Protein backbone atom coordinates (compact mmCIF):
# COMPACT_ATOMS: atom_id res chain seq x y z
CA UNK A 1 -15.03 -24.55 30.91
CA UNK A 2 -16.06 -26.62 33.94
CA UNK A 3 -19.36 -27.54 32.30
CA UNK A 4 -17.72 -29.06 29.24
CA UNK A 5 -18.80 -32.66 28.72
CA UNK A 6 -16.96 -35.18 26.60
CA UNK A 7 -18.76 -36.32 23.47
CA UNK A 8 -19.08 -40.06 22.94
CA UNK A 9 -16.42 -39.85 20.24
CA UNK A 10 -14.01 -38.05 22.58
CA UNK A 11 -14.82 -40.54 25.34
CA UNK A 12 -13.85 -43.46 23.09
CA UNK A 13 -10.67 -41.77 21.77
CA UNK A 14 -9.49 -41.07 25.31
CA UNK A 15 -10.16 -44.65 26.37
CA UNK A 16 -8.11 -45.95 23.46
CA UNK A 17 -5.20 -43.48 23.65
CA UNK A 18 -5.15 -41.86 27.10
CA UNK A 19 -2.97 -42.63 30.12
CA UNK A 20 -4.89 -42.62 33.42
CA UNK A 21 -4.33 -43.13 37.12
CA UNK A 22 -0.81 -44.11 38.11
CA UNK A 23 0.05 -45.36 34.61
CA UNK A 24 -0.16 -48.99 35.72
CA UNK A 25 -2.58 -49.99 32.97
CA UNK A 26 -2.81 -53.66 32.07
CA UNK A 27 -2.71 -52.66 28.39
CA UNK A 28 -0.58 -49.97 26.77
CA UNK A 29 -2.75 -47.19 25.25
CA UNK A 30 -2.63 -46.88 21.47
CA UNK A 31 0.09 -44.82 19.86
CA UNK A 32 -0.88 -42.43 17.03
CA UNK A 33 0.02 -44.96 14.33
CA UNK A 34 -2.15 -47.60 16.00
CA UNK A 35 -5.06 -45.24 16.56
CA UNK A 36 -4.90 -44.25 12.89
CA UNK A 37 -5.41 -47.91 12.03
CA UNK A 38 -8.58 -47.90 14.14
CA UNK A 39 -9.72 -44.59 12.64
CA UNK A 40 -9.26 -45.86 9.08
CA UNK A 41 -11.23 -49.00 9.90
CA UNK A 42 -14.04 -46.90 11.42
CA UNK A 43 -14.24 -44.81 8.25
CA UNK A 44 -14.33 -47.95 6.08
CA UNK A 45 -17.28 -49.30 8.09
CA UNK A 46 -19.12 -45.95 8.23
CA UNK A 47 -18.80 -45.86 12.03
CA UNK A 48 -17.60 -43.26 14.53
CA UNK A 49 -15.34 -43.73 17.58
CA UNK A 50 -18.33 -43.37 19.92
CA UNK A 51 -19.92 -46.46 18.38
CA UNK A 52 -17.25 -48.54 20.13
CA UNK A 53 -18.88 -47.68 23.48
CA UNK A 54 -21.96 -49.70 22.49
CA UNK A 55 -22.46 -53.42 22.01
CA UNK A 56 -23.19 -53.12 18.29
CA UNK A 57 -19.86 -51.33 17.82
CA UNK A 58 -17.99 -53.93 19.89
CA UNK A 59 -19.56 -56.66 17.80
CA UNK A 60 -18.36 -55.00 14.59
CA UNK A 61 -14.93 -54.70 16.18
CA UNK A 62 -14.83 -58.42 17.01
CA UNK A 63 -15.84 -59.33 13.49
CA UNK A 64 -13.65 -57.02 11.52
CA UNK A 65 -10.68 -55.53 13.39
CA UNK A 66 -7.89 -57.96 12.56
CA UNK A 67 -4.65 -55.94 12.48
CA UNK A 68 -4.54 -55.06 16.20
CA UNK A 69 -4.90 -57.23 19.30
CA UNK A 70 -8.67 -57.35 19.91
CA UNK A 71 -8.34 -58.23 23.61
CA UNK A 72 -6.09 -55.21 24.11
CA UNK A 73 -8.63 -52.90 22.46
CA UNK A 74 -11.44 -54.25 24.64
CA UNK A 75 -9.39 -53.83 27.83
CA UNK A 76 -8.69 -50.21 26.86
CA UNK A 77 -12.37 -49.54 26.15
CA UNK A 78 -13.32 -51.00 29.56
CA UNK A 79 -11.37 -48.32 31.51
CA UNK A 80 -14.39 -46.05 31.89
CA UNK A 81 -14.29 -45.70 35.69
CA UNK A 82 -10.63 -44.71 35.99
CA UNK A 83 -10.97 -42.39 32.99
CA UNK A 84 -13.98 -40.62 34.55
CA UNK A 85 -12.06 -40.02 37.79
CA UNK A 86 -9.14 -38.54 35.87
CA UNK A 87 -11.17 -36.30 33.55
CA UNK A 88 -13.28 -35.00 36.44
CA UNK A 89 -10.09 -34.10 38.31
CA UNK A 90 -8.74 -32.11 35.36
CA UNK A 91 -12.06 -30.41 34.61
CA UNK A 92 -12.26 -29.26 38.23
CA UNK A 93 -8.84 -27.67 37.79
CA UNK A 94 -9.99 -25.75 34.71
CA UNK A 95 -8.31 -28.13 32.25
CA UNK A 96 -10.55 -29.43 29.49
CA UNK A 97 -10.07 -31.92 26.68
CA UNK A 98 -10.58 -31.59 22.95
CA UNK A 99 -10.34 -34.64 20.68
CA UNK A 100 -9.59 -35.01 17.01
CA UNK A 101 -13.26 -35.73 16.30
CA UNK A 102 -14.43 -32.48 17.96
CA UNK A 103 -15.33 -29.35 15.99
CA UNK A 104 -13.13 -27.29 18.38
CA UNK A 105 -10.03 -29.33 17.56
CA UNK A 106 -7.48 -27.07 15.79
CA UNK A 107 -8.03 -27.40 12.04
CA UNK A 108 -4.39 -26.36 11.55
CA UNK A 109 -3.17 -29.52 13.22
CA UNK A 110 -5.37 -31.71 11.04
CA UNK A 111 -4.40 -29.99 7.78
CA UNK A 112 -0.67 -29.58 8.50
CA UNK A 113 0.11 -32.80 10.36
CA UNK A 114 -2.48 -35.03 8.69
CA UNK A 115 -2.62 -38.38 10.54
CA UNK A 116 0.22 -37.29 12.83
CA UNK A 117 -2.10 -34.82 14.58
CA UNK A 118 -2.49 -35.98 18.21
CA UNK A 119 -5.75 -37.79 19.01
CA UNK A 120 -6.53 -35.27 21.78
CA UNK A 121 -5.24 -32.17 23.60
CA UNK A 122 -5.52 -31.11 27.23
CA UNK A 123 -6.25 -27.37 27.24
CA UNK A 124 -6.41 -24.44 29.68
CA UNK A 125 -7.30 -20.86 28.79
CA UNK A 126 -9.09 -19.05 25.99
CA UNK A 127 -10.66 -21.61 23.58
CA UNK A 128 -10.76 -19.05 20.75
CA UNK A 129 -6.96 -19.18 20.59
CA UNK A 130 -7.15 -22.86 19.63
CA UNK A 131 -7.71 -21.62 16.09
CA UNK A 132 -3.99 -20.82 16.11
CA UNK A 133 -2.21 -18.45 13.78
CA UNK A 134 0.64 -16.10 14.54
CA UNK A 135 4.43 -16.33 14.84
CA UNK A 136 6.14 -19.25 16.59
CA UNK A 137 9.29 -18.08 18.40
CA UNK A 138 11.62 -20.92 19.38
CA UNK A 139 15.19 -21.41 20.45
CA UNK A 140 17.71 -22.70 22.92
CA UNK A 141 17.10 -23.03 26.66
CA UNK A 142 20.56 -21.51 27.19
CA UNK A 143 20.04 -18.50 24.95
CA UNK A 144 22.81 -15.90 24.77
CA UNK A 145 22.17 -12.29 25.78
CA UNK A 146 21.89 -10.95 22.23
CA UNK A 147 19.40 -13.69 21.37
CA UNK A 148 17.34 -12.89 24.45
CA UNK A 149 17.22 -9.19 23.53
CA UNK A 150 16.14 -10.05 19.98
CA UNK A 151 13.44 -12.39 21.32
CA UNK A 152 11.99 -9.60 23.45
CA UNK A 153 11.98 -7.15 20.52
CA UNK A 154 10.16 -9.57 18.23
CA UNK A 155 7.63 -10.66 20.87
CA UNK A 156 6.88 -7.06 21.81
CA UNK A 157 6.41 -6.11 18.15
CA UNK A 158 4.03 -9.05 17.67
CA UNK A 159 1.97 -8.03 20.68
CA UNK A 160 1.75 -4.40 19.56
CA UNK A 161 0.39 -5.50 16.17
CA UNK A 162 -2.03 -8.14 17.39
CA UNK A 163 0.02 -11.14 16.22
CA UNK A 164 -0.22 -14.12 18.61
CA UNK A 165 3.07 -15.59 19.83
CA UNK A 166 3.30 -19.40 19.86
CA UNK A 167 6.02 -21.25 21.74
CA UNK A 168 6.80 -24.31 23.82
CA UNK A 169 6.90 -22.80 27.31
CA UNK A 170 10.42 -24.10 28.04
CA UNK A 171 13.09 -22.12 29.85
CA UNK A 172 15.06 -19.73 27.64
CA UNK A 173 13.71 -18.40 24.35
CA UNK A 174 10.23 -19.95 24.74
CA UNK A 175 9.38 -18.41 28.11
CA UNK A 176 11.09 -15.11 27.26
CA UNK A 177 8.94 -14.71 24.13
CA UNK A 178 5.68 -15.65 25.84
CA UNK A 179 6.17 -13.54 28.96
CA UNK A 180 7.31 -10.47 26.96
CA UNK A 181 4.23 -10.65 24.72
CA UNK A 182 1.91 -11.07 27.71
CA UNK A 183 3.61 -8.20 29.55
CA UNK A 184 2.54 -5.78 26.79
CA UNK A 185 -0.99 -7.28 26.57
CA UNK A 186 -0.40 -9.56 23.59
CA UNK A 187 -1.86 -13.04 23.13
CA UNK A 188 0.04 -16.32 23.43
CA UNK A 189 -0.32 -20.03 22.80
CA UNK A 190 1.96 -22.28 24.85
CA UNK A 191 2.26 -25.87 23.59
CA UNK A 192 3.76 -27.68 26.57
CA UNK A 193 5.68 -30.94 26.77
CA UNK A 194 5.00 -31.42 30.49
CA UNK A 195 3.29 -30.17 33.64
CA UNK A 196 0.23 -28.36 32.23
CA UNK A 197 -1.48 -28.73 35.63
CA UNK A 198 1.37 -26.90 37.34
CA UNK A 199 1.69 -24.23 34.65
CA UNK A 200 -2.05 -23.48 34.75
CA UNK A 201 -1.80 -22.33 38.38
CA UNK A 202 1.63 -20.71 38.12
CA UNK A 203 1.59 -17.04 39.06
CA UNK A 204 3.29 -15.93 35.84
CA UNK A 205 0.45 -17.40 33.75
CA UNK A 206 -2.64 -17.46 35.99
CA UNK A 207 -3.79 -13.87 35.41
CA UNK A 208 -3.32 -14.13 31.63
CA UNK A 209 -5.32 -17.37 31.49
CA UNK A 210 -8.14 -15.63 33.35
CA UNK A 211 -8.23 -12.56 31.09
CA UNK A 212 -8.29 -14.62 27.90
CA UNK A 213 -4.90 -13.68 26.44
CA UNK A 214 -3.24 -17.06 26.96
CA UNK A 215 -3.95 -20.64 25.98
CA UNK A 216 -1.87 -23.56 27.25
CA UNK A 217 -2.21 -27.01 25.72
CA UNK A 218 -0.45 -30.36 25.62
CA UNK A 219 -0.98 -33.76 24.01
CA UNK A 220 0.29 -35.40 27.23
CA UNK A 221 -1.20 -35.99 30.68
CA UNK A 222 -1.43 -32.67 32.56
CA UNK A 223 0.76 -34.06 35.36
CA UNK A 224 3.37 -35.62 33.03
CA UNK A 225 6.98 -34.94 33.99
CA UNK A 226 9.60 -33.74 31.53
CA UNK A 227 11.10 -36.28 29.13
CA UNK A 228 13.20 -35.37 26.07
CA UNK A 229 11.02 -37.59 23.88
CA UNK A 230 7.87 -35.69 24.86
CA UNK A 231 9.52 -32.37 24.00
CA UNK A 232 10.55 -33.71 20.59
CA UNK A 233 6.97 -34.87 19.94
CA UNK A 234 5.59 -31.50 21.04
CA UNK A 235 7.78 -29.44 18.67
CA UNK A 236 5.81 -30.22 15.52
CA UNK A 237 2.65 -28.89 17.18
CA UNK A 238 4.31 -25.50 17.80
CA UNK A 239 5.11 -25.14 14.08
CA UNK A 240 1.70 -26.44 13.00
CA UNK A 241 -0.20 -23.95 15.18
CA UNK A 242 1.66 -20.98 13.66
CA UNK A 243 1.56 -19.23 10.28
CA UNK A 244 5.35 -18.97 10.32
CA UNK A 245 8.17 -19.48 12.80
CA UNK A 246 11.39 -17.81 13.92
CA UNK A 247 14.42 -19.70 15.25
CA UNK A 248 16.32 -17.37 17.59
CA UNK A 249 19.24 -19.67 18.41
CA UNK A 250 19.94 -23.28 17.49
CA UNK A 251 22.80 -25.69 17.88
CA UNK A 252 23.75 -27.72 14.82
CA UNK A 253 22.72 -31.37 14.60
CA UNK A 254 21.45 -31.59 18.17
CA UNK A 255 18.75 -30.34 20.52
CA UNK A 256 15.01 -29.86 20.23
CA UNK A 257 15.23 -26.54 18.37
CA UNK A 258 17.35 -28.07 15.60
CA UNK A 259 15.21 -31.22 15.36
CA UNK A 260 11.91 -29.33 15.29
CA UNK A 261 13.02 -26.84 12.64
CA UNK A 262 14.57 -29.58 10.48
CA UNK A 263 11.38 -31.66 10.74
CA UNK A 264 9.27 -28.71 9.62
CA UNK A 265 11.57 -27.83 6.71
CA UNK A 266 11.33 -31.41 5.43
CA UNK A 267 7.54 -31.38 5.18
CA UNK A 268 6.00 -31.45 1.73
CA UNK A 269 4.38 -28.06 2.40
CA UNK A 270 6.25 -26.45 5.31
CA UNK A 271 5.24 -23.23 6.93
CA UNK A 272 7.94 -20.55 6.46
CA UNK A 273 10.81 -21.03 8.94
CA UNK A 274 12.90 -17.89 9.54
CA UNK A 275 16.23 -17.72 11.34
CA UNK A 276 17.88 -14.81 13.14
CA UNK A 277 21.05 -13.75 11.33
CA UNK A 278 22.42 -11.13 13.69
CA UNK A 279 26.17 -11.35 14.16
CA UNK A 280 27.57 -13.54 15.57
CA UNK A 281 25.27 -15.97 13.78
CA UNK A 282 24.69 -19.23 15.75
CA UNK A 283 26.11 -22.24 13.89
CA UNK A 284 22.75 -24.00 13.92
CA UNK A 285 21.01 -20.99 12.40
CA UNK A 286 23.48 -20.93 9.50
CA UNK A 287 22.99 -24.66 8.94
CA UNK A 288 19.19 -24.28 8.93
CA UNK A 289 19.56 -21.56 6.30
CA UNK A 290 21.30 -24.08 4.08
CA UNK A 291 18.44 -26.55 4.66
CA UNK A 292 15.88 -24.08 3.33
CA UNK A 293 15.15 -21.71 6.22
CA UNK A 294 14.74 -18.00 5.39
CA UNK A 295 16.59 -14.93 6.70
CA UNK A 296 14.42 -13.07 9.21
CA UNK A 297 13.64 -9.64 7.68
CA UNK A 298 14.96 -6.79 9.80
CA UNK A 299 12.30 -4.49 8.30
CA UNK A 300 9.92 -6.47 10.55
CA UNK A 301 10.62 -3.67 13.05
CA UNK A 302 9.83 -0.87 10.59
CA UNK A 303 6.99 -2.12 8.34
CA UNK A 304 3.71 -3.78 9.29
CA UNK A 305 5.17 -7.09 10.61
CA UNK A 306 2.88 -9.43 8.69
CA UNK A 307 3.68 -7.65 5.43
CA UNK A 308 7.40 -7.94 6.14
CA UNK A 309 7.12 -11.67 6.84
CA UNK A 310 4.95 -12.36 3.81
CA UNK A 311 7.29 -10.46 1.48
CA UNK A 312 10.33 -12.19 2.97
CA UNK A 313 8.74 -15.61 2.44
CA UNK A 314 8.03 -14.78 -1.22
CA UNK A 315 11.38 -13.16 -2.04
CA UNK A 316 13.93 -13.41 0.79
CA UNK A 317 16.83 -11.88 -1.15
CA UNK A 318 15.10 -8.57 -1.80
CA UNK A 319 13.71 -8.07 1.71
CA UNK A 320 17.04 -8.12 3.53
CA UNK A 321 17.63 -4.84 5.32
CA UNK A 322 20.87 -2.92 4.79
CA UNK A 323 23.68 -4.66 6.62
CA UNK A 324 21.78 -7.94 7.03
CA UNK A 325 23.67 -11.10 6.12
CA UNK A 326 22.78 -12.69 2.76
CA UNK A 327 22.98 -16.35 1.77
CA UNK A 328 26.19 -15.65 -0.13
CA UNK A 329 27.72 -13.90 2.91
CA UNK A 330 26.82 -16.99 4.94
CA UNK A 331 28.89 -19.27 2.73
CA UNK A 332 26.14 -20.13 0.24
CA UNK A 333 26.59 -21.78 -3.14
CA UNK A 334 29.43 -20.47 -5.43
CA UNK A 335 26.96 -19.15 -7.98
CA UNK A 336 25.11 -17.08 -5.38
CA UNK A 337 25.25 -13.30 -5.84
CA UNK A 338 27.95 -11.45 -3.94
CA UNK A 339 26.77 -9.08 -1.25
CA UNK A 340 27.96 -6.16 -3.40
CA UNK A 341 25.88 -7.18 -6.43
CA UNK A 342 22.92 -7.95 -4.14
CA UNK A 343 23.12 -4.43 -2.74
CA UNK A 344 23.35 -3.04 -6.29
CA UNK A 345 20.23 -4.98 -7.33
CA UNK A 346 18.47 -3.76 -4.22
CA UNK A 347 19.31 -0.14 -5.05
CA UNK A 348 17.89 -0.63 -8.56
CA UNK A 349 14.69 -2.01 -7.09
CA UNK A 350 14.38 0.94 -4.74
CA UNK A 351 14.76 3.31 -7.69
CA UNK A 352 11.86 1.72 -9.54
CA UNK A 353 8.44 3.30 -8.90
CA UNK A 354 6.37 1.39 -6.39
CA UNK A 355 3.17 -0.24 -7.65
CA UNK A 356 0.10 1.88 -7.04
CA UNK A 357 -1.64 -0.42 -4.59
CA UNK A 358 -4.55 1.29 -2.80
CA UNK A 359 -3.71 -0.33 0.54
CA UNK A 360 -0.50 -0.88 2.47
CA UNK A 361 -1.88 -3.43 4.99
CA UNK A 362 -4.68 -5.98 5.12
CA UNK A 363 -6.37 -3.91 7.83
CA UNK A 364 -6.49 -0.91 5.48
CA UNK A 365 -8.41 -3.06 3.02
CA UNK A 366 -10.90 -4.52 5.51
CA UNK A 367 -11.35 -1.45 7.74
CA UNK A 368 -14.34 -0.05 5.76
CA UNK A 369 -16.06 -3.44 5.85
CA UNK A 370 -15.57 -3.83 9.62
CA UNK A 371 -16.81 -0.30 10.30
CA UNK A 372 -19.87 -0.80 8.09
CA UNK A 373 -20.89 -3.80 10.23
CA UNK A 374 -20.42 -1.84 13.46
CA UNK A 375 -23.12 0.76 12.87
CA UNK A 376 -24.74 -1.08 15.77
CA UNK A 377 -23.11 -2.94 18.65
CA UNK A 378 -21.73 -6.40 17.89
CA UNK A 379 -19.92 -9.05 19.88
CA UNK A 380 -16.75 -10.57 18.46
CA UNK A 381 -18.62 -13.82 17.76
CA UNK A 382 -21.33 -11.98 15.83
CA UNK A 383 -18.85 -9.92 13.84
CA UNK A 384 -16.59 -12.90 13.06
CA UNK A 385 -19.59 -14.82 11.73
CA UNK A 386 -20.77 -11.88 9.60
CA UNK A 387 -17.30 -11.33 8.12
CA UNK A 388 -16.37 -15.03 7.96
CA UNK A 389 -12.99 -14.30 9.59
CA UNK A 390 -10.77 -15.92 12.22
CA UNK A 391 -11.64 -14.51 15.67
CA UNK A 392 -8.00 -14.23 16.72
CA UNK A 393 -7.25 -12.04 13.70
CA UNK A 394 -10.47 -10.06 14.19
CA UNK A 395 -9.58 -9.34 17.84
CA UNK A 396 -6.19 -8.06 16.71
CA UNK A 397 -7.80 -5.70 14.20
CA UNK A 398 -10.39 -4.49 16.73
CA UNK A 399 -7.64 -3.71 19.22
CA UNK A 400 -5.98 -1.43 16.65
CA UNK A 401 -9.30 0.20 15.66
CA UNK A 402 -10.09 0.92 19.33
CA UNK A 403 -6.63 2.41 19.81
CA UNK A 404 -7.07 4.70 16.81
CA UNK A 405 -10.57 5.59 18.11
CA UNK A 406 -12.42 4.37 15.02
CA UNK A 407 -14.27 1.87 17.21
CA UNK A 408 -15.49 1.94 20.81
CA UNK A 409 -15.28 -1.09 23.11
CA UNK A 410 -18.07 -1.66 25.60
CA UNK A 411 -18.01 -4.17 28.44
CA UNK A 412 -20.38 -6.46 30.33
CA UNK A 413 -20.61 -8.14 27.88
CA UNK A 414 -17.75 -7.15 25.59
CA UNK A 415 -19.03 -5.67 22.32
CA UNK A 416 -17.91 -3.11 19.77
CA UNK A 417 -19.53 -0.22 17.92
CA UNK A 418 -18.29 2.31 15.40
CA UNK A 419 -17.37 5.74 16.79
CA UNK A 420 -19.68 8.33 15.27
CA UNK A 421 -18.25 11.29 13.37
CA UNK A 422 -19.85 13.66 15.89
CA UNK A 423 -17.91 12.03 18.72
CA UNK A 424 -14.67 12.22 16.74
CA UNK A 425 -15.14 15.94 16.01
CA UNK A 426 -16.09 16.64 19.64
CA UNK A 427 -13.00 14.87 20.97
CA UNK A 428 -10.85 16.76 18.46
CA UNK A 429 -12.24 20.10 19.63
CA UNK A 430 -11.70 19.16 23.28
CA UNK A 431 -8.03 18.62 22.56
């Protein structure tokens, strides 16, 4: 990562929006709303951010940019020296920068947050994990013992099934989820609100950053201290990077967990937000349920986890495990089914013959295709390109195939090849 160079577009975006040095800038860097004004103007003039580094771009700016203070924009664009000193310092510490104009910038943030996606991210760790995907696990800093135990169970289950864990890195639920997943060789994405530079060299993360199972990122300066406002701004990135999220424990009407979940549920197209409904149910969790959150399916621990989550998102009432609290039990609307009738309906559904699907998991469906491409050795990059699949998901599948001995993993460099039938028979006879 130390050789990464900023593109001209990224250079310009950082100059306009970044905080450098001792934060004693003569002009306040642009906020997202202000940068979006610049970005819209650039699109309307068929220009790119990098054009503002050249005289012809500055001239266009002077002639046409009327809604923002022109002198402020020019002062920001003239901060090249102090910006270079800062970026070189972070690059030397293994922290690199990806901007909204870069191909590596997480597409999930663009598509889910639209113009609220941060103009840039500071990043440390495995760049492949920037693609995102997985389960966000969030909750209170002062999590109760039962919530902590549940967090560990879910994170461990995710790791065992190749599902990345996404969280905010804060004390309590966030760190518990991330460290548990990493402990059992899972992958994690930590979206931090402060102190990326310190976290990147912390002993609990350093080894996992080196071996490619962890990515840490932040939209704030790597040496930024904690501020409640930064944590609130960070929360939406945690939800956007994930396929779905789980709230372990939330207070009602206060705190970052409540605010982040409520913000996600109010989006036009929210990702599924699940809440833990173990007794005693936290008051905030019950309130989030009433705002549109979904009961976390307890069959997550028995079925393939992704299948359990997908089914629960489509039909939450029929995926509740025996003894799990229903919306009606939680004080739902008067016309909601009673728990007794819900159980009766569930028993009827169980009695019906299951549809004759040929596969029970997505991996079952794609396994023959993966194996057919591994008749000769392939790297993950090669295989992902051939299959047109997300590398994070592909790595998860390969891990399972290696464990079941369908595929062999070779090193230096890492590549994969299908295990021949002769080898399988030989190993079977040896046993």
